[in-house]
Every structure is written in C-alpha cells, then in structure tokens.
Amino acid sequence: MANKEFNELLVDNADFLKPFAVNLTKNSESANDLYQETLYKALANSEKYNTGTNIKAWLFTIMRNIFINDYRRNAKRKTILDSTPEDYLINLKQVSVANTAESSLREKEIQTAIENLPETFKVPFRLYFEGYKYQEIAEYLQEPLGTIKSRIHFARKLLKEQIRRY
C-alpha cells in the first residue's frame, strides 16, 4: 500500500479514536495526547499494517497499548495523578512528621553508589529505574535485549554489594 493511500485511510478512520481516548483517560488533555501519539505511531509503523485488514481495530490496539504502557510506566514511578484543585487535602490527616535527615543521607549514599557504577551498567540501570522497559532501553541504546537485561542484572548485583557495606 502506498503512503498516500495509507494516509487517506488513516485520516478517514482517525475520528473514531477520539471517543476511545477520552474513555480510556477520562481527561480531555490526556486524551488529545494519547490520540496524537497513536496517530504518530500508526504513521511511523505504516509498513506493519497489512492491506485489507481492519484499520480501526489496528488503530484501537495501538492506542490501547500506548495507554497501558504509559499507565504501567507511571505506576512504576509511583506518580500520583490527582486532578482535583484541593491538593492540600491529600495529606490532611497526617499527624506525624517524617525524619527526612536519615532518608536523605541514605538516598545520597544510593545515588553515589549508582554514580560509581561503570558507564555500561549505569546508563541502562538509570533508564530501567526511570520506568522504561527492557525493549525500550535496548532500542534506545541500540543494544541486544539480552545484553541490556544482563547489564541491569549486574548493576543491581553491584549495588547490593555496595549498599550492604553501609
């Protein structure tokens, strides 16, 4: 299928994605972002579309997968998404005050341990720690998937050894 034909097919079927995006995200801003990213991924992967198959189902699958991956990435980062303007109510019932001195010292020690990792282990480990999947890291660093997995494994192992000392 030629690019022009695919683009026309995409434009003709793109409007069906907007309500689905709103249904998934429950937020118009996030829905617009999801919609745009879906169209971008569809255009970037147009060669993977098989002519004659249901393009709506293909687009819905792309959108759903993007939404799920973003949700998992945000959950891994432990991001709290709160759309209410009363943000101060989140911690209203807390009566104890946390001692941040010890935790900040521990965090500095961990950051130092990460910085002391060899560069080949540090970069994939940081990306993994930020919530990227193994496959995404492998594509970004242009390395085989097995190599990325083993580097992250060895980085964890080195960090465990260094942190046990403390």
N, C-alpha and C. Protein backbone atom coordinates (compact mmCIF):
# COMPACT_ATOMS: atom_id res chain seq x y z
N MET A 1 0.86 -1.17 0.00
CA MET A 1 0.00 0.00 0.00
C MET A 1 0.90 1.23 0.00
N ALA A 2 0.57 2.17 -0.84
CA ALA A 2 1.36 3.40 -0.95
C ALA A 2 1.09 4.29 0.26
N ASN A 3 2.05 5.16 0.53
CA ASN A 3 1.91 6.06 1.68
C ASN A 3 0.68 6.94 1.56
N LYS A 4 0.41 7.41 0.35
CA LYS A 4 -0.75 8.29 0.15
C LYS A 4 -2.05 7.55 0.48
N GLU A 5 -2.15 6.30 0.03
CA GLU A 5 -3.36 5.51 0.30
C GLU A 5 -3.50 5.25 1.81
N PHE A 6 -2.38 4.93 2.44
CA PHE A 6 -2.41 4.67 3.89
C PHE A 6 -2.82 5.93 4.64
N ASN A 7 -2.25 7.07 4.27
CA ASN A 7 -2.58 8.34 4.93
C ASN A 7 -4.06 8.67 4.79
N GLU A 8 -4.62 8.45 3.60
CA GLU A 8 -6.05 8.70 3.39
C GLU A 8 -6.89 7.77 4.26
N LEU A 9 -6.49 6.51 4.32
CA LEU A 9 -7.20 5.53 5.14
C LEU A 9 -7.12 5.91 6.62
N LEU A 10 -5.97 6.39 7.03
CA LEU A 10 -5.77 6.80 8.42
C LEU A 10 -6.64 8.01 8.75
N VAL A 11 -6.64 9.01 7.88
CA VAL A 11 -7.44 10.22 8.12
C VAL A 11 -8.93 9.89 8.16
N ASP A 12 -9.36 8.99 7.28
CA ASP A 12 -10.78 8.61 7.25
C ASP A 12 -11.23 7.91 8.53
N ASN A 13 -10.31 7.21 9.20
CA ASN A 13 -10.68 6.42 10.38
C ASN A 13 -10.18 7.00 11.69
N ALA A 14 -9.54 8.14 11.67
CA ALA A 14 -8.94 8.70 12.88
C ALA A 14 -9.99 9.25 13.85
N ASP A 15 -11.12 9.73 13.35
CA ASP A 15 -12.11 10.33 14.23
C ASP A 15 -12.72 9.35 15.22
N PHE A 16 -12.68 8.07 14.90
CA PHE A 16 -13.22 7.06 15.81
C PHE A 16 -12.35 6.88 17.04
N LEU A 17 -11.11 7.37 16.97
CA LEU A 17 -10.18 7.20 18.10
C LEU A 17 -10.43 8.18 19.24
N LYS A 18 -10.93 9.36 18.93
CA LYS A 18 -11.09 10.39 19.96
C LYS A 18 -11.98 9.96 21.12
N PRO A 19 -13.18 9.43 20.85
CA PRO A 19 -14.02 8.99 21.98
C PRO A 19 -13.37 7.86 22.78
N PHE A 20 -12.66 6.98 22.10
CA PHE A 20 -11.98 5.88 22.78
C PHE A 20 -10.87 6.42 23.69
N ALA A 21 -10.16 7.43 23.23
CA ALA A 21 -9.10 8.05 24.03
C ALA A 21 -9.68 8.70 25.28
N VAL A 22 -10.79 9.40 25.12
CA VAL A 22 -11.44 10.04 26.27
C VAL A 22 -11.94 8.98 27.25
N ASN A 23 -12.47 7.89 26.73
CA ASN A 23 -12.94 6.81 27.57
C ASN A 23 -11.80 6.18 28.38
N LEU A 24 -10.65 6.04 27.77
CA LEU A 24 -9.51 5.45 28.47
C LEU A 24 -8.93 6.39 29.53
N THR A 25 -8.74 7.65 29.16
CA THR A 25 -8.02 8.57 30.04
C THR A 25 -8.91 9.32 31.01
N LYS A 26 -10.16 9.51 30.67
CA LYS A 26 -11.11 10.29 31.49
C LYS A 26 -10.66 11.75 31.64
N ASN A 27 -9.88 12.23 30.69
CA ASN A 27 -9.33 13.58 30.75
C ASN A 27 -9.11 14.05 29.31
N SER A 28 -9.63 15.20 28.95
CA SER A 28 -9.55 15.64 27.56
C SER A 28 -8.12 15.97 27.13
N GLU A 29 -7.31 16.53 28.03
CA GLU A 29 -5.91 16.85 27.69
C GLU A 29 -5.13 15.56 27.44
N SER A 30 -5.26 14.61 28.34
CA SER A 30 -4.56 13.33 28.18
C SER A 30 -5.08 12.58 26.95
N ALA A 31 -6.37 12.71 26.70
CA ALA A 31 -6.96 12.05 25.53
C ALA A 31 -6.37 12.62 24.24
N ASN A 32 -6.19 13.93 24.19
CA ASN A 32 -5.58 14.54 23.00
C ASN A 32 -4.14 14.05 22.82
N ASP A 33 -3.40 13.96 23.91
CA ASP A 33 -2.02 13.46 23.84
C ASP A 33 -2.00 12.01 23.35
N LEU A 34 -2.89 11.20 23.89
CA LEU A 34 -2.96 9.80 23.50
C LEU A 34 -3.36 9.67 22.03
N TYR A 35 -4.30 10.47 21.60
CA TYR A 35 -4.76 10.48 20.21
C TYR A 35 -3.60 10.82 19.27
N GLN A 36 -2.86 11.88 19.61
CA GLN A 36 -1.74 12.30 18.76
C GLN A 36 -0.64 11.25 18.72
N GLU A 37 -0.33 10.67 19.88
CA GLU A 37 0.71 9.65 19.91
C GLU A 37 0.30 8.42 19.13
N THR A 38 -0.98 8.09 19.17
CA THR A 38 -1.47 6.95 18.40
C THR A 38 -1.30 7.19 16.90
N LEU A 39 -1.68 8.38 16.46
CA LEU A 39 -1.52 8.69 15.03
C LEU A 39 -0.05 8.70 14.64
N TYR A 40 0.79 9.22 15.51
CA TYR A 40 2.23 9.23 15.23
C TYR A 40 2.77 7.80 15.09
N LYS A 41 2.39 6.93 16.04
CA LYS A 41 2.87 5.55 15.98
C LYS A 41 2.33 4.83 14.75
N ALA A 42 1.09 5.12 14.40
CA ALA A 42 0.50 4.49 13.21
C ALA A 42 1.27 4.92 11.96
N LEU A 43 1.59 6.20 11.86
CA LEU A 43 2.35 6.68 10.71
C LEU A 43 3.76 6.10 10.71
N ALA A 44 4.37 6.04 11.87
CA ALA A 44 5.74 5.53 11.96
C ALA A 44 5.81 4.04 11.64
N ASN A 45 4.72 3.32 11.89
CA ASN A 45 4.69 1.87 11.66
C ASN A 45 3.75 1.49 10.52
N SER A 46 3.58 2.38 9.57
CA SER A 46 2.64 2.11 8.48
C SER A 46 3.01 0.87 7.68
N GLU A 47 4.29 0.55 7.62
CA GLU A 47 4.71 -0.64 6.87
C GLU A 47 4.25 -1.93 7.55
N LYS A 48 3.88 -1.86 8.81
CA LYS A 48 3.43 -3.05 9.54
C LYS A 48 1.93 -3.32 9.33
N TYR A 49 1.24 -2.35 8.76
CA TYR A 49 -0.19 -2.53 8.51
C TYR A 49 -0.38 -3.43 7.29
N ASN A 50 -1.19 -4.48 7.46
CA ASN A 50 -1.47 -5.40 6.36
C ASN A 50 -2.69 -4.91 5.60
N THR A 51 -2.52 -4.67 4.33
CA THR A 51 -3.61 -4.17 3.48
C THR A 51 -4.79 -5.13 3.53
N GLY A 52 -5.96 -4.56 3.70
CA GLY A 52 -7.18 -5.36 3.73
C GLY A 52 -7.64 -5.73 5.13
N THR A 53 -6.80 -5.54 6.12
CA THR A 53 -7.22 -5.83 7.49
C THR A 53 -7.98 -4.63 8.06
N ASN A 54 -8.61 -4.84 9.18
CA ASN A 54 -9.44 -3.82 9.80
C ASN A 54 -8.55 -2.73 10.42
N ILE A 55 -8.51 -1.57 9.79
CA ILE A 55 -7.63 -0.50 10.27
C ILE A 55 -8.11 0.07 11.60
N LYS A 56 -9.43 0.08 11.81
CA LYS A 56 -9.94 0.58 13.10
C LYS A 56 -9.43 -0.27 14.25
N ALA A 57 -9.49 -1.57 14.08
CA ALA A 57 -9.00 -2.48 15.13
C ALA A 57 -7.50 -2.29 15.34
N TRP A 58 -6.78 -2.09 14.24
CA TRP A 58 -5.33 -1.88 14.32
C TRP A 58 -5.03 -0.60 15.10
N LEU A 59 -5.76 0.47 14.81
CA LEU A 59 -5.56 1.75 15.50
C LEU A 59 -5.98 1.67 16.96
N PHE A 60 -7.10 0.99 17.23
CA PHE A 60 -7.54 0.83 18.62
C PHE A 60 -6.50 0.04 19.43
N THR A 61 -5.91 -0.97 18.82
CA THR A 61 -4.88 -1.77 19.50
C THR A 61 -3.66 -0.92 19.82
N ILE A 62 -3.25 -0.11 18.86
CA ILE A 62 -2.11 0.79 19.10
C ILE A 62 -2.41 1.72 20.26
N MET A 63 -3.60 2.33 20.25
CA MET A 63 -3.96 3.27 21.30
C MET A 63 -4.02 2.59 22.66
N ARG A 64 -4.65 1.43 22.71
CA ARG A 64 -4.75 0.71 23.97
C ARG A 64 -3.38 0.34 24.51
N ASN A 65 -2.48 -0.12 23.65
CA ASN A 65 -1.13 -0.49 24.08
C ASN A 65 -0.35 0.72 24.59
N ILE A 66 -0.48 1.85 23.92
CA ILE A 66 0.18 3.08 24.39
C ILE A 66 -0.34 3.45 25.77
N PHE A 67 -1.67 3.40 25.94
CA PHE A 67 -2.28 3.76 27.22
C PHE A 67 -1.79 2.82 28.33
N ILE A 68 -1.77 1.53 28.06
CA ILE A 68 -1.34 0.55 29.07
C ILE A 68 0.13 0.76 29.42
N ASN A 69 0.97 0.96 28.41
CA ASN A 69 2.40 1.18 28.68
C ASN A 69 2.63 2.44 29.50
N ASP A 70 1.92 3.52 29.17
CA ASP A 70 2.05 4.76 29.95
C ASP A 70 1.56 4.56 31.37
N TYR A 71 0.46 3.85 31.53
CA TYR A 71 -0.08 3.58 32.86
C TYR A 71 0.93 2.81 33.70
N ARG A 72 1.50 1.77 33.11
CA ARG A 72 2.49 0.96 33.83
C ARG A 72 3.73 1.78 34.17
N ARG A 73 4.18 2.60 33.22
CA ARG A 73 5.35 3.43 33.48
C ARG A 73 5.08 4.40 34.63
N ASN A 74 3.91 5.02 34.62
CA ASN A 74 3.56 5.95 35.70
C ASN A 74 3.38 5.23 37.03
N ALA A 75 2.82 4.03 37.00
CA ALA A 75 2.65 3.27 38.24
C ALA A 75 4.01 2.87 38.80
N LYS A 76 4.92 2.55 37.91
CA LYS A 76 6.26 2.16 38.36
C LYS A 76 6.98 3.35 38.99
N ARG A 77 6.73 4.52 38.47
CA ARG A 77 7.33 5.74 39.03
C ARG A 77 6.60 6.18 40.29
N LYS A 78 5.50 5.51 40.58
CA LYS A 78 4.66 5.85 41.74
C LYS A 78 4.17 7.30 41.65
N THR A 79 3.78 7.67 40.46
CA THR A 79 3.25 9.00 40.23
C THR A 79 1.80 9.05 40.68
N ILE A 80 1.47 10.09 41.41
CA ILE A 80 0.09 10.28 41.84
C ILE A 80 -0.53 11.30 40.89
N LEU A 81 -1.55 10.87 40.17
CA LEU A 81 -2.25 11.76 39.27
C LEU A 81 -3.52 12.20 39.96
N ASP A 82 -3.57 13.45 40.32
CA ASP A 82 -4.73 13.98 41.01
C ASP A 82 -5.20 15.22 40.27
N SER A 83 -6.41 15.18 39.78
CA SER A 83 -6.91 16.31 39.01
C SER A 83 -7.71 17.29 39.86
N THR A 84 -7.81 17.06 41.15
CA THR A 84 -8.57 17.97 42.00
C THR A 84 -7.73 19.20 42.34
N PRO A 85 -8.37 20.34 42.48
CA PRO A 85 -7.62 21.56 42.83
C PRO A 85 -7.25 21.60 44.31
N GLU A 86 -7.85 20.74 45.12
CA GLU A 86 -7.57 20.74 46.56
C GLU A 86 -6.45 19.76 46.87
N ASP A 87 -5.26 20.01 46.36
CA ASP A 87 -4.14 19.11 46.58
C ASP A 87 -3.74 19.02 48.05
N TYR A 88 -4.00 20.07 48.79
CA TYR A 88 -3.62 20.07 50.20
C TYR A 88 -4.40 19.05 51.01
N LEU A 89 -5.52 18.55 50.50
CA LEU A 89 -6.33 17.58 51.23
C LEU A 89 -5.72 16.18 51.22
N ILE A 90 -4.78 15.93 50.34
CA ILE A 90 -4.20 14.60 50.25
C ILE A 90 -3.56 14.19 51.56
N ASN A 91 -2.80 15.09 52.17
CA ASN A 91 -2.06 14.76 53.39
C ASN A 91 -2.69 15.40 54.63
N LEU A 92 -3.94 15.69 54.59
CA LEU A 92 -4.60 16.41 55.66
C LEU A 92 -4.57 15.64 56.99
N LYS A 93 -4.73 14.31 56.96
CA LYS A 93 -4.84 13.54 58.19
C LYS A 93 -3.49 13.09 58.75
N GLN A 94 -2.40 13.49 58.15
CA GLN A 94 -1.10 13.12 58.68
C GLN A 94 -0.79 13.96 59.90
N VAL A 95 -0.45 13.28 61.00
CA VAL A 95 -0.11 13.98 62.22
C VAL A 95 1.36 13.84 62.56
N SER A 96 2.01 12.80 62.06
CA SER A 96 3.43 12.62 62.36
C SER A 96 4.27 13.31 61.30
N VAL A 97 5.44 13.68 61.73
CA VAL A 97 6.38 14.34 60.83
C VAL A 97 7.50 13.36 60.54
N ALA A 98 7.80 13.16 59.28
CA ALA A 98 8.85 12.22 58.91
C ALA A 98 10.22 12.83 59.15
N ASN A 99 11.14 12.01 59.57
CA ASN A 99 12.53 12.43 59.76
C ASN A 99 13.24 12.25 58.43
N THR A 100 13.40 13.32 57.70
CA THR A 100 13.98 13.23 56.36
C THR A 100 15.49 13.21 56.37
N ALA A 101 16.11 13.50 57.50
CA ALA A 101 17.58 13.55 57.54
C ALA A 101 18.18 12.19 57.24
N GLU A 102 17.69 11.16 57.91
CA GLU A 102 18.24 9.82 57.69
C GLU A 102 17.95 9.33 56.27
N SER A 103 16.73 9.55 55.80
CA SER A 103 16.40 9.08 54.46
C SER A 103 17.16 9.84 53.39
N SER A 104 17.41 11.14 53.60
CA SER A 104 18.16 11.89 52.59
C SER A 104 19.62 11.47 52.57
N LEU A 105 20.19 11.13 53.75
CA LEU A 105 21.55 10.61 53.78
C LEU A 105 21.63 9.27 53.05
N ARG A 106 20.66 8.41 53.30
CA ARG A 106 20.62 7.10 52.64
C ARG A 106 20.46 7.27 51.13
N GLU A 107 19.62 8.22 50.74
CA GLU A 107 19.41 8.48 49.31
C GLU A 107 20.69 8.97 48.66
N LYS A 108 21.43 9.83 49.34
CA LYS A 108 22.70 10.31 48.81
C LYS A 108 23.69 9.17 48.64
N GLU A 109 23.71 8.24 49.61
CA GLU A 109 24.60 7.10 49.52
C GLU A 109 24.23 6.21 48.33
N ILE A 110 22.95 6.03 48.12
CA ILE A 110 22.50 5.21 47.00
C ILE A 110 22.84 5.89 45.68
N GLN A 111 22.60 7.21 45.61
CA GLN A 111 22.94 7.95 44.39
C GLN A 111 24.44 7.88 44.11
N THR A 112 25.25 7.97 45.15
CA THR A 112 26.70 7.86 44.99
C THR A 112 27.07 6.47 44.48
N ALA A 113 26.42 5.45 45.03
CA ALA A 113 26.68 4.08 44.58
C ALA A 113 26.31 3.91 43.12
N ILE A 114 25.22 4.50 42.71
CA ILE A 114 24.81 4.43 41.30
C ILE A 114 25.82 5.17 40.42
N GLU A 115 26.27 6.32 40.87
CA GLU A 115 27.25 7.10 40.10
C GLU A 115 28.58 6.36 39.97
N ASN A 116 28.92 5.50 40.94
CA ASN A 116 30.17 4.76 40.90
C ASN A 116 30.11 3.52 40.01
N LEU A 117 28.92 3.21 39.50
CA LEU A 117 28.81 2.07 38.59
C LEU A 117 29.56 2.35 37.30
N PRO A 118 30.11 1.32 36.66
CA PRO A 118 30.70 1.53 35.34
C PRO A 118 29.64 2.05 34.36
N GLU A 119 30.06 2.85 33.41
CA GLU A 119 29.14 3.51 32.49
C GLU A 119 28.25 2.51 31.73
N THR A 120 28.79 1.34 31.40
CA THR A 120 28.00 0.35 30.66
C THR A 120 26.83 -0.18 31.48
N PHE A 121 26.96 -0.16 32.80
CA PHE A 121 25.87 -0.61 33.67
C PHE A 121 24.97 0.55 34.11
N LYS A 122 25.58 1.72 34.30
CA LYS A 122 24.86 2.86 34.86
C LYS A 122 23.74 3.35 33.94
N VAL A 123 24.02 3.50 32.66
CA VAL A 123 23.03 4.06 31.73
C VAL A 123 21.79 3.17 31.63
N PRO A 124 21.94 1.85 31.35
CA PRO A 124 20.73 1.02 31.28
C PRO A 124 19.99 0.94 32.62
N PHE A 125 20.75 0.92 33.74
CA PHE A 125 20.11 0.84 35.04
C PHE A 125 19.28 2.09 35.31
N ARG A 126 19.82 3.27 35.02
CA ARG A 126 19.06 4.51 35.23
C ARG A 126 17.79 4.54 34.40
N LEU A 127 17.89 4.12 33.14
CA LEU A 127 16.70 4.09 32.28
C LEU A 127 15.66 3.12 32.82
N TYR A 128 16.12 1.95 33.28
CA TYR A 128 15.20 0.98 33.85
C TYR A 128 14.56 1.53 35.12
N PHE A 129 15.36 2.18 35.93
CA PHE A 129 14.87 2.76 37.18
C PHE A 129 13.85 3.86 36.92
N GLU A 130 13.98 4.57 35.81
CA GLU A 130 13.03 5.63 35.44
C GLU A 130 11.73 5.07 34.88
N GLY A 131 11.67 3.75 34.66
CA GLY A 131 10.40 3.15 34.25
C GLY A 131 10.36 2.64 32.83
N TYR A 132 11.45 2.73 32.10
CA TYR A 132 11.46 2.22 30.74
C TYR A 132 11.56 0.70 30.76
N LYS A 133 10.98 0.08 29.76
CA LYS A 133 11.02 -1.37 29.65
C LYS A 133 12.33 -1.79 29.02
N TYR A 134 12.67 -3.07 29.21
CA TYR A 134 13.91 -3.59 28.66
C TYR A 134 13.99 -3.33 27.15
N GLN A 135 12.89 -3.61 26.44
CA GLN A 135 12.87 -3.46 24.99
C GLN A 135 13.10 -2.01 24.59
N GLU A 136 12.48 -1.08 25.30
CA GLU A 136 12.67 0.34 25.00
C GLU A 136 14.11 0.77 25.23
N ILE A 137 14.72 0.25 26.28
CA ILE A 137 16.12 0.58 26.58
C ILE A 137 17.02 0.01 25.49
N ALA A 138 16.74 -1.23 25.08
CA ALA A 138 17.55 -1.86 24.04
C ALA A 138 17.48 -1.08 22.73
N GLU A 139 16.29 -0.61 22.38
CA GLU A 139 16.15 0.17 21.16
C GLU A 139 16.85 1.52 21.29
N TYR A 140 16.72 2.16 22.42
CA TYR A 140 17.34 3.47 22.63
C TYR A 140 18.86 3.37 22.59
N LEU A 141 19.42 2.35 23.23
CA LEU A 141 20.87 2.20 23.29
C LEU A 141 21.43 1.40 22.11
N GLN A 142 20.52 0.89 21.28
CA GLN A 142 20.89 0.10 20.11
C GLN A 142 21.78 -1.08 20.51
N GLU A 143 21.32 -1.80 21.49
CA GLU A 143 21.99 -2.99 22.01
C GLU A 143 21.00 -4.14 21.99
N PRO A 144 21.49 -5.39 21.95
CA PRO A 144 20.58 -6.55 22.03
C PRO A 144 19.86 -6.59 23.38
N LEU A 145 18.66 -7.14 23.36
CA LEU A 145 17.83 -7.20 24.56
C LEU A 145 18.53 -7.98 25.68
N GLY A 146 19.15 -9.10 25.35
CA GLY A 146 19.85 -9.90 26.36
C GLY A 146 20.98 -9.14 27.02
N THR A 147 21.67 -8.33 26.25
CA THR A 147 22.76 -7.53 26.79
C THR A 147 22.23 -6.52 27.81
N ILE A 148 21.13 -5.88 27.48
CA ILE A 148 20.53 -4.89 28.39
C ILE A 148 20.09 -5.58 29.68
N LYS A 149 19.44 -6.73 29.56
CA LYS A 149 18.98 -7.45 30.75
C LYS A 149 20.15 -7.84 31.65
N SER A 150 21.22 -8.33 31.04
CA SER A 150 22.36 -8.74 31.87
C SER A 150 23.05 -7.54 32.50
N ARG A 151 23.12 -6.42 31.79
CA ARG A 151 23.75 -5.23 32.36
C ARG A 151 22.96 -4.71 33.55
N ILE A 152 21.65 -4.72 33.44
CA ILE A 152 20.82 -4.27 34.56
C ILE A 152 20.96 -5.24 35.73
N HIS A 153 21.01 -6.53 35.43
CA HIS A 153 21.19 -7.54 36.48
C HIS A 153 22.51 -7.32 37.22
N PHE A 154 23.59 -7.12 36.47
CA PHE A 154 24.89 -6.92 37.10
C PHE A 154 24.95 -5.59 37.86
N ALA A 155 24.26 -4.58 37.35
CA ALA A 155 24.21 -3.29 38.06
C ALA A 155 23.52 -3.48 39.41
N ARG A 156 22.42 -4.22 39.43
CA ARG A 156 21.72 -4.49 40.70
C ARG A 156 22.63 -5.25 41.66
N LYS A 157 23.33 -6.22 41.12
CA LYS A 157 24.21 -7.04 41.94
C LYS A 157 25.32 -6.18 42.56
N LEU A 158 25.93 -5.31 41.75
CA LEU A 158 26.97 -4.42 42.26
C LEU A 158 26.42 -3.46 43.31
N LEU A 159 25.23 -2.93 43.06
CA LEU A 159 24.62 -2.00 44.02
C LEU A 159 24.31 -2.71 45.34
N LYS A 160 23.84 -3.94 45.28
CA LYS A 160 23.54 -4.69 46.52
C LYS A 160 24.80 -4.87 47.34
N GLU A 161 25.91 -5.17 46.66
CA GLU A 161 27.17 -5.35 47.37
C GLU A 161 27.63 -4.04 48.01
N GLN A 162 27.51 -2.95 47.29
CA GLN A 162 27.94 -1.66 47.82
C GLN A 162 27.03 -1.18 48.95
N ILE A 163 25.76 -1.40 48.83
CA ILE A 163 24.81 -0.91 49.84
C ILE A 163 24.88 -1.75 51.11
N ARG A 164 25.21 -3.03 51.01
CA ARG A 164 25.35 -3.87 52.19
C ARG A 164 26.44 -3.36 53.12
N ARG A 165 27.41 -2.71 52.55
CA ARG A 165 28.52 -2.20 53.36
C ARG A 165 28.06 -1.13 54.34
N TYR A 166 26.98 -0.46 54.02
CA TYR A 166 26.55 0.68 54.85
C TYR A 166 25.81 0.22 56.06
